[in-house]
PDB file of N, CA and C in Angstrom:
ATOM      1  N   UNK A   1      60.806 -31.968  -8.897  1.00  0.00           N
ATOM      2  CA  UNK A   1      60.660 -30.936  -7.775  1.00  0.00           C
ATOM      3  C   UNK A   1      60.804 -31.403  -6.338  1.00  0.00           C
ATOM      4  N   UNK A   2      61.081 -30.821  -5.535  1.00  0.00           N
ATOM      5  CA  UNK A   2      61.362 -31.405  -4.174  1.00  0.00           C
ATOM      6  C   UNK A   2      60.957 -30.471  -3.163  1.00  0.00           C
ATOM      7  N   UNK A   3      60.066 -30.966  -2.151  1.00  0.00           N
ATOM      8  CA  UNK A   3      59.565 -29.799  -0.853  1.00  0.00           C
ATOM      9  C   UNK A   3      60.837 -29.780   0.305  1.00  0.00           C
ATOM     10  N   UNK A   4      61.159 -28.429   0.755  1.00  0.00           N
ATOM     11  CA  UNK A   4      62.302 -28.344   1.392  1.00  0.00           C
ATOM     12  C   UNK A   4      62.228 -28.605   2.763  1.00  0.00           C
ATOM     13  N   UNK A   5      60.832 -28.988   3.127  1.00  0.00           N
ATOM     14  CA  UNK A   5      60.252 -29.376   4.611  1.00  0.00           C
ATOM     15  C   UNK A   5      60.536 -28.208   5.402  1.00  0.00           C
ATOM     16  N   UNK A   6      60.178 -26.783   4.616  1.00  0.00           N
ATOM     17  CA  UNK A   6      59.828 -25.697   5.335  1.00  0.00           C
ATOM     18  C   UNK A   6      58.154 -25.371   5.223  1.00  0.00           C
ATOM     19  N   UNK A   7      57.411 -26.244   5.627  1.00  0.00           N
ATOM     20  CA  UNK A   7      56.054 -25.950   5.493  1.00  0.00           C
ATOM     21  C   UNK A   7      55.638 -24.980   6.685  1.00  0.00           C
ATOM     22  N   UNK A   8      54.953 -24.128   6.321  1.00  0.00           N
ATOM     23  CA  UNK A   8      54.321 -23.093   7.117  1.00  0.00           C
ATOM     24  C   UNK A   8      53.064 -23.483   7.040  1.00  0.00           C
ATOM     25  N   UNK A   9      52.199 -23.164   8.383  1.00  0.00           N
ATOM     26  CA  UNK A   9      50.815 -23.125   8.570  1.00  0.00           C
ATOM     27  C   UNK A   9      50.410 -21.731   9.145  1.00  0.00           C
ATOM     28  N   UNK A  10      49.314 -21.084   8.552  1.00  0.00           N
ATOM     29  CA  UNK A  10      49.393 -19.855   9.107  1.00  0.00           C
ATOM     30  C   UNK A  10      47.466 -19.281   9.075  1.00  0.00           C
ATOM     31  N   UNK A  11      47.267 -18.499   9.631  1.00  0.00           N
ATOM     32  CA  UNK A  11      45.731 -17.831   9.326  1.00  0.00           C
ATOM     33  C   UNK A  11      45.841 -16.337   8.286  1.00  0.00           C
ATOM     34  N   UNK A  12      46.811 -16.085   7.805  1.00  0.00           N
ATOM     35  CA  UNK A  12      46.563 -15.000   6.983  1.00  0.00           C
ATOM     36  C   UNK A  12      47.030 -15.139   5.637  1.00  0.00           C
ATOM     37  N   UNK A  13      45.945 -15.204   4.566  1.00  0.00           N
ATOM     38  CA  UNK A  13      46.259 -15.001   3.159  1.00  0.00           C
ATOM     39  C   UNK A  13      47.156 -13.746   2.914  1.00  0.00           C
ATOM     40  N   UNK A  14      46.891 -12.707   3.567  1.00  0.00           N
ATOM     41  CA  UNK A  14      47.418 -11.648   3.027  1.00  0.00           C
ATOM     42  C   UNK A  14      48.785 -11.664   3.237  1.00  0.00           C
ATOM     43  N   UNK A  15      49.515 -12.119   4.283  1.00  0.00           N
ATOM     44  CA  UNK A  15      50.924 -12.173   4.640  1.00  0.00           C
ATOM     45  C   UNK A  15      51.518 -13.157   3.335  1.00  0.00           C
ATOM     46  N   UNK A  16      51.045 -14.511   3.192  1.00  0.00           N
ATOM     47  CA  UNK A  16      51.843 -15.459   2.300  1.00  0.00           C
ATOM     48  C   UNK A  16      51.384 -14.891   1.098  1.00  0.00           C
ATOM     49  N   UNK A  17      50.529 -14.297   0.544  1.00  0.00           N
ATOM     50  CA  UNK A  17      50.423 -13.585  -0.993  1.00  0.00           C
ATOM     51  C   UNK A  17      51.447 -12.648  -1.355  1.00  0.00           C
ATOM     52  N   UNK A  18      51.443 -11.776  -0.454  1.00  0.00           N
ATOM     53  CA  UNK A  18      52.612 -10.485  -0.247  1.00  0.00           C
ATOM     54  C   UNK A  18      53.878 -11.236  -0.597  1.00  0.00           C
ATOM     55  N   UNK A  19      54.475 -12.207   0.262  1.00  0.00           N
ATOM     56  CA  UNK A  19      55.650 -12.590   0.852  1.00  0.00           C
ATOM     57  C   UNK A  19      56.066 -13.165  -0.546  1.00  0.00           C
ATOM     58  N   UNK A  20      54.902 -14.094  -1.278  1.00  0.00           N
ATOM     59  CA  UNK A  20      55.103 -14.671  -2.349  1.00  0.00           C
ATOM     60  C   UNK A  20      55.435 -13.937  -4.035  1.00  0.00           C
ATOM     61  N   UNK A  21      54.441 -13.120  -3.847  1.00  0.00           N
ATOM     62  CA  UNK A  21      54.139 -12.260  -5.218  1.00  0.00           C
ATOM     63  C   UNK A  21      54.657 -10.685  -5.031  1.00  0.00           C
ATOM     64  N   UNK A  22      55.102  -9.852  -3.945  1.00  0.00           N
ATOM     65  CA  UNK A  22      56.024  -8.953  -4.128  1.00  0.00           C
ATOM     66  C   UNK A  22      57.484  -9.079  -3.977  1.00  0.00           C
ATOM     67  N   UNK A  23      58.016  -8.169  -4.706  1.00  0.00           N
ATOM     68  CA  UNK A  23      59.341  -8.212  -5.454  1.00  0.00           C
ATOM     69  C   UNK A  23      60.295  -8.106  -4.038  1.00  0.00           C
ATOM     70  N   UNK A  24      61.107  -8.790  -3.789  1.00  0.00           N
ATOM     71  CA  UNK A  24      62.027  -8.707  -2.498  1.00  0.00           C
ATOM     72  C   UNK A  24      63.151  -9.239  -2.284  1.00  0.00           C
ATOM     73  N   UNK A  25      63.696  -9.123  -1.112  1.00  0.00           N
ATOM     74  CA  UNK A  25      65.197  -9.812  -1.027  1.00  0.00           C
ATOM     75  C   UNK A  25      64.915 -11.533  -1.230  1.00  0.00           C
ATOM     76  N   UNK A  26      63.659 -11.701  -0.829  1.00  0.00           N
ATOM     77  CA  UNK A  26      63.641 -13.151  -0.743  1.00  0.00           C
ATOM     78  C   UNK A  26      63.715 -13.842  -2.373  1.00  0.00           C
ATOM     79  N   UNK A  27      63.324 -13.244  -3.324  1.00  0.00           N
ATOM     80  CA  UNK A  27      63.496 -13.545  -4.823  1.00  0.00           C
ATOM     81  C   UNK A  27      64.619 -13.308  -5.420  1.00  0.00           C
ATOM     82  N   UNK A  28      65.334 -14.305  -6.324  1.00  0.00           N
ATOM     83  CA  UNK A  28      66.353 -13.761  -7.365  1.00  0.00           C
ATOM     84  C   UNK A  28      65.841 -12.755  -8.104  1.00  0.00           C
ATOM     85  N   UNK A  29      64.527 -13.080  -8.818  1.00  0.00           N
ATOM     86  CA  UNK A  29      64.014 -12.301 -10.053  1.00  0.00           C
ATOM     87  C   UNK A  29      62.581 -11.760  -9.290  1.00  0.00           C
ATOM     88  N   UNK A  30      61.959 -10.953 -10.178  1.00  0.00           N
ATOM     89  CA  UNK A  30      60.758 -10.747 -10.053  1.00  0.00           C
ATOM     90  C   UNK A  30      59.677 -12.047  -9.905  1.00  0.00           C
ATOM     91  N   UNK A  31      58.873 -12.052  -9.227  1.00  0.00           N
ATOM     92  CA  UNK A  31      57.853 -13.332  -9.019  1.00  0.00           C
ATOM     93  C   UNK A  31      56.789 -13.431 -10.055  1.00  0.00           C
ATOM     94  N   UNK A  32      56.538 -14.536 -10.837  1.00  0.00           N
ATOM     95  CA  UNK A  32      55.628 -14.766 -11.884  1.00  0.00           C
ATOM     96  C   UNK A  32      54.635 -15.579 -11.300  1.00  0.00           C
ATOM     97  N   UNK A  33      53.317 -15.626 -11.640  1.00  0.00           N
ATOM     98  CA  UNK A  33      52.231 -17.029 -11.309  1.00  0.00           C
ATOM     99  C   UNK A  33      52.290 -17.421 -12.661  1.00  0.00           C
ATOM    100  N   UNK A  34      52.852 -18.770 -12.638  1.00  0.00           N
ATOM    101  CA  UNK A  34      52.856 -19.824 -13.723  1.00  0.00           C
ATOM    102  C   UNK A  34      51.858 -20.733 -14.240  1.00  0.00           C
ATOM    103  N   UNK A  35      51.047 -20.540 -12.877  1.00  0.00           N
ATOM    104  CA  UNK A  35      49.780 -21.701 -13.450  1.00  0.00           C
ATOM    105  C   UNK A  35      48.678 -21.307 -11.962  1.00  0.00           C
ATOM    106  N   UNK A  36      47.579 -21.994 -12.201  1.00  0.00           N
ATOM    107  CA  UNK A  36      46.620 -22.192 -11.031  1.00  0.00           C
ATOM    108  C   UNK A  36      45.103 -21.677 -11.466  1.00  0.00           C
ATOM    109  N   UNK A  37      44.359 -21.906 -10.789  1.00  0.00           N
ATOM    110  CA  UNK A  37      42.973 -21.753 -10.947  1.00  0.00           C
ATOM    111  C   UNK A  37      41.916 -20.484 -10.224  1.00  0.00           C
ATOM    112  N   UNK A  38      42.673 -19.480  -9.778  1.00  0.00           N
ATOM    113  CA  UNK A  38      42.426 -18.193  -9.670  1.00  0.00           C
ATOM    114  C   UNK A  38      42.066 -17.315 -10.600  1.00  0.00           C
ATOM    115  N   UNK A  39      40.935 -16.443 -10.025  1.00  0.00           N
ATOM    116  CA  UNK A  39      40.401 -15.874 -11.444  1.00  0.00           C
ATOM    117  C   UNK A  39      41.402 -14.144 -11.666  1.00  0.00           C
ATOM    118  N   UNK A  40      42.270 -14.234 -10.646  1.00  0.00           N
ATOM    119  CA  UNK A  40      42.932 -12.777 -10.470  1.00  0.00           C
ATOM    120  C   UNK A  40      44.708 -13.097 -10.981  1.00  0.00           C
ATOM    121  N   UNK A  41      45.570 -12.105 -10.783  1.00  0.00           N
ATOM    122  CA  UNK A  41      46.910 -12.624 -10.619  1.00  0.00           C
ATOM    123  C   UNK A  41      47.215 -11.362  -9.746  1.00  0.00           C
ATOM    124  N   UNK A  42      46.346  -9.990  -9.683  1.00  0.00           N
ATOM    125  CA  UNK A  42      46.764  -9.288  -8.472  1.00  0.00           C
ATOM    126  C   UNK A  42      47.242  -9.376  -7.224  1.00  0.00           C
ATOM    127  N   UNK A  43      47.945  -8.866  -6.452  1.00  0.00           N
ATOM    128  CA  UNK A  43      47.800  -9.402  -5.148  1.00  0.00           C
ATOM    129  C   UNK A  43      46.790  -9.386  -4.525  1.00  0.00           C
ATOM    130  N   UNK A  44      46.053  -7.707  -4.170  1.00  0.00           N
ATOM    131  CA  UNK A  44      44.883  -7.453  -3.856  1.00  0.00           C
ATOM    132  C   UNK A  44      43.699  -8.306  -3.880  1.00  0.00           C
ATOM    133  N   UNK A  45      43.538  -8.656  -5.115  1.00  0.00           N
ATOM    134  CA  UNK A  45      42.250  -9.393  -5.390  1.00  0.00           C
ATOM    135  C   UNK A  45      42.802 -10.819  -5.227  1.00  0.00           C
ATOM    136  N   UNK A  46      43.887 -11.315  -5.300  1.00  0.00           N
ATOM    137  CA  UNK A  46      44.063 -12.834  -4.757  1.00  0.00           C
ATOM    138  C   UNK A  46      43.808 -12.846  -3.280  1.00  0.00           C
ATOM    139  N   UNK A  47      44.356 -12.250  -2.544  1.00  0.00           N
ATOM    140  CA  UNK A  47      44.100 -12.230  -1.304  1.00  0.00           C
ATOM    141  C   UNK A  47      42.487 -12.191  -0.862  1.00  0.00           C
ATOM    142  N   UNK A  48      41.631 -11.150  -1.780  1.00  0.00           N
ATOM    143  CA  UNK A  48      40.379 -11.504  -1.399  1.00  0.00           C
ATOM    144  C   UNK A  48      39.688 -12.615  -2.060  1.00  0.00           C
ATOM    145  N   UNK A  49      40.355 -13.119  -3.044  1.00  0.00           N
ATOM    146  CA  UNK A  49      39.575 -14.671  -3.541  1.00  0.00           C
ATOM    147  C   UNK A  49      39.738 -15.355  -2.309  1.00  0.00           C
ATOM    148  N   UNK A  50      40.873 -15.729  -2.151  1.00  0.00           N
ATOM    149  CA  UNK A  50      41.237 -16.462  -0.731  1.00  0.00           C
ATOM    150  C   UNK A  50      40.511 -16.203   0.340  1.00  0.00           C
ATOM    151  N   UNK A  51      40.303 -15.362   0.774  1.00  0.00           N
ATOM    152  CA  UNK A  51      39.670 -14.755   1.949  1.00  0.00           C
ATOM    153  C   UNK A  51      38.287 -15.223   1.892  1.00  0.00           C
ATOM    154  N   UNK A  52      37.826 -15.025   0.359  1.00  0.00           N
ATOM    155  CA  UNK A  52      36.804 -15.436   0.039  1.00  0.00           C
ATOM    156  C   UNK A  52      36.248 -17.116   0.603  1.00  0.00           C
ATOM    157  N   UNK A  53      37.200 -17.840  -0.011  1.00  0.00           N
ATOM    158  CA  UNK A  53      36.963 -19.381   0.167  1.00  0.00           C
ATOM    159  C   UNK A  53      37.645 -19.744   1.473  1.00  0.00           C
ATOM    160  N   UNK A  54      37.816 -18.754   2.312  1.00  0.00           N
ATOM    161  CA  UNK A  54      38.257 -19.237   3.739  1.00  0.00           C
ATOM    162  C   UNK A  54      37.130 -18.950   4.428  1.00  0.00           C
ATOM    163  N   UNK A  55      36.043 -18.629   3.969  1.00  0.00           N
ATOM    164  CA  UNK A  55      34.794 -18.409   4.796  1.00  0.00           C
ATOM    165  C   UNK A  55      33.746 -19.690   4.587  1.00  0.00           C
ATOM    166  N   UNK A  56      33.939 -20.246   3.635  1.00  0.00           N
ATOM    167  CA  UNK A  56      33.454 -21.244   3.256  1.00  0.00           C
ATOM    168  C   UNK A  56      33.892 -22.462   4.505  1.00  0.00           C
ATOM    169  N   UNK A  57      34.829 -22.527   5.091  1.00  0.00           N
ATOM    170  CA  UNK A  57      35.366 -23.329   6.106  1.00  0.00           C
ATOM    171  C   UNK A  57      35.943 -22.732   7.532  1.00  0.00           C
ATOM    172  N   UNK A  58      34.853 -21.992   8.041  1.00  0.00           N
ATOM    173  CA  UNK A  58      35.423 -21.319   9.432  1.00  0.00           C
ATOM    174  C   UNK A  58      35.974 -22.082  10.471  1.00  0.00           C
ATOM    175  N   UNK A  59      35.573 -23.168  10.353  1.00  0.00           N
ATOM    176  CA  UNK A  59      36.207 -24.483  11.179  1.00  0.00           C
ATOM    177  C   UNK A  59      37.687 -24.661  11.123  1.00  0.00           C
ATOM    178  N   UNK A  60      38.124 -24.501  10.001  1.00  0.00           N
ATOM    179  CA  UNK A  60      39.775 -24.258   9.848  1.00  0.00           C
ATOM    180  C   UNK A  60      40.476 -23.476  10.527  1.00  0.00           C
ATOM    181  N   UNK A  61      41.117 -23.817  11.359  1.00  0.00           N
ATOM    182  CA  UNK A  61      42.016 -22.897  12.121  1.00  0.00           C
ATOM    183  C   UNK A  61      42.889 -21.800  11.416  1.00  0.00           C
ATOM    184  N   UNK A  62      43.756 -22.761  10.790  1.00  0.00           N
ATOM    185  CA  UNK A  62      44.940 -22.386   9.968  1.00  0.00           C
ATOM    186  C   UNK A  62      44.987 -22.583   8.598  1.00  0.00           C
ATOM    187  N   UNK A  63      44.062 -22.102   7.605  1.00  0.00           N
ATOM    188  CA  UNK A  63      43.624 -22.377   6.118  1.00  0.00           C
ATOM    189  C   UNK A  63      45.047 -22.334   5.373  1.00  0.00           C
ATOM    190  N   UNK A  64      46.052 -21.290   5.551  1.00  0.00           N
ATOM    191  CA  UNK A  64      47.150 -21.378   4.696  1.00  0.00           C
ATOM    192  C   UNK A  64      48.355 -22.357   5.071  1.00  0.00           C
ATOM    193  N   UNK A  65      48.501 -22.551   3.612  1.00  0.00           N
ATOM    194  CA  UNK A  65      49.666 -23.964   3.642  1.00  0.00           C
ATOM    195  C   UNK A  65      50.925 -23.508   2.899  1.00  0.00           C
ATOM    196  N   UNK A  66      51.792 -23.281   3.266  1.00  0.00           N
ATOM    197  CA  UNK A  66      52.978 -22.441   2.392  1.00  0.00           C
ATOM    198  C   UNK A  66      54.094 -23.463   2.295  1.00  0.00           C
ATOM    199  N   UNK A  67      54.592 -23.826   1.374  1.00  0.00           N
ATOM    200  CA  UNK A  67      55.609 -24.934   1.233  1.00  0.00           C
ATOM    201  C   UNK A  67      56.748 -24.450   0.359  1.00  0.00           C
ATOM    202  N   UNK A  68      58.188 -24.285   0.708  1.00  0.00           N
ATOM    203  CA  UNK A  68      59.057 -23.980  -0.376  1.00  0.00           C
ATOM    204  C   UNK A  68      59.345 -25.300  -1.295  1.00  0.00           C
ATOM    205  N   UNK A  69      59.615 -24.927  -2.610  1.00  0.00           N
ATOM    206  CA  UNK A  69      59.925 -25.909  -3.324  1.00  0.00           C
ATOM    207  C   UNK A  69      61.391 -25.588  -4.360  1.00  0.00           C
ATOM    208  N   UNK A  70      61.905 -26.846  -4.384  1.00  0.00           N
ATOM    209  CA  UNK A  70      63.375 -26.667  -5.246  1.00  0.00           C
ATOM    210  C   UNK A  70      63.453 -27.504  -6.399  1.00  0.00           C
ATOM    211  N   UNK A  71      64.375 -27.143  -7.421  1.00  0.00           N
ATOM    212  CA  UNK A  71      64.496 -28.280  -8.450  1.00  0.00           C
ATOM    213  C   UNK A  71      65.587 -28.937  -8.265  1.00  0.00           C
ATOM    214  N   UNK A  72      65.818 -30.160  -8.677  1.00  0.00           N
ATOM    215  CA  UNK A  72      67.106 -30.796  -8.569  1.00  0.00           C
ATOM    216  C   UNK A  72      68.506 -30.240  -9.237  1.00  0.00           C
ATOM    217  N   UNK A  73      69.363 -30.427  -8.803  1.00  0.00           N
ATOM    218  CA  UNK A  73      70.688 -29.563  -9.381  1.00  0.00           C
ATOM    219  C   UNK A  73      70.726 -29.803 -10.701  1.00  0.00           C
ATOM    220  N   UNK A  74      70.911 -28.834 -11.521  1.00  0.00           N
ATOM    221  CA  UNK A  74      70.958 -28.957 -13.268  1.00  0.00           C
ATOM    222  C   UNK A  74      69.807 -28.735 -13.610  1.00  0.00           C
ATOM    223  N   UNK A  75      68.616 -28.719 -13.060  1.00  0.00           N
ATOM    224  CA  UNK A  75      67.590 -28.163 -13.493  1.00  0.00           C
ATOM    225  C   UNK A  75      67.017 -26.701 -13.294  1.00  0.00           C
ATOM    226  N   UNK A  76      66.169 -26.119 -14.379  1.00  0.00           N
ATOM    227  CA  UNK A  76      65.554 -24.703 -14.117  1.00  0.00           C
ATOM    228  C   UNK A  76      64.104 -24.860 -14.707  1.00  0.00           C
ATOM    229  N   UNK A  77      63.486 -23.718 -14.201  1.00  0.00           N
ATOM    230  CA  UNK A  77      61.891 -23.603 -14.844  1.00  0.00           C
ATOM    231  C   UNK A  77      62.194 -22.378 -16.032  1.00  0.00           C
ATOM    232  N   UNK A  78      61.283 -22.488 -16.653  1.00  0.00           N
ATOM    233  CA  UNK A  78      61.445 -21.091 -17.708  1.00  0.00           C
ATOM    234  C   UNK A  78      59.732 -21.046 -17.988  1.00  0.00           C
ATOM    235  N   UNK A  79      59.457 -19.584 -18.333  1.00  0.00           N
ATOM    236  CA  UNK A  79      58.090 -19.432 -18.599  1.00  0.00           C
ATOM    237  C   UNK A  79      57.631 -19.933 -20.007  1.00  0.00           C
TER     238      UNK A  79
END
């Protein structure tokens, strides 16, 4: 898996979580969380959990980090 060098930094977890998990034109199919260590899978609960952790480091101005990844040609993911 390769990074596409489209790293975005930001202040709002709400924006990136909604972009990543809500169906829309940016997705070829409905998004699915396939792993992680968060307690919830719903958009609103994930935003809340990320915001809770953001409070632990108020010195970090842009705690959101989003990087698009792509698979090498000929490879695919499955659930």
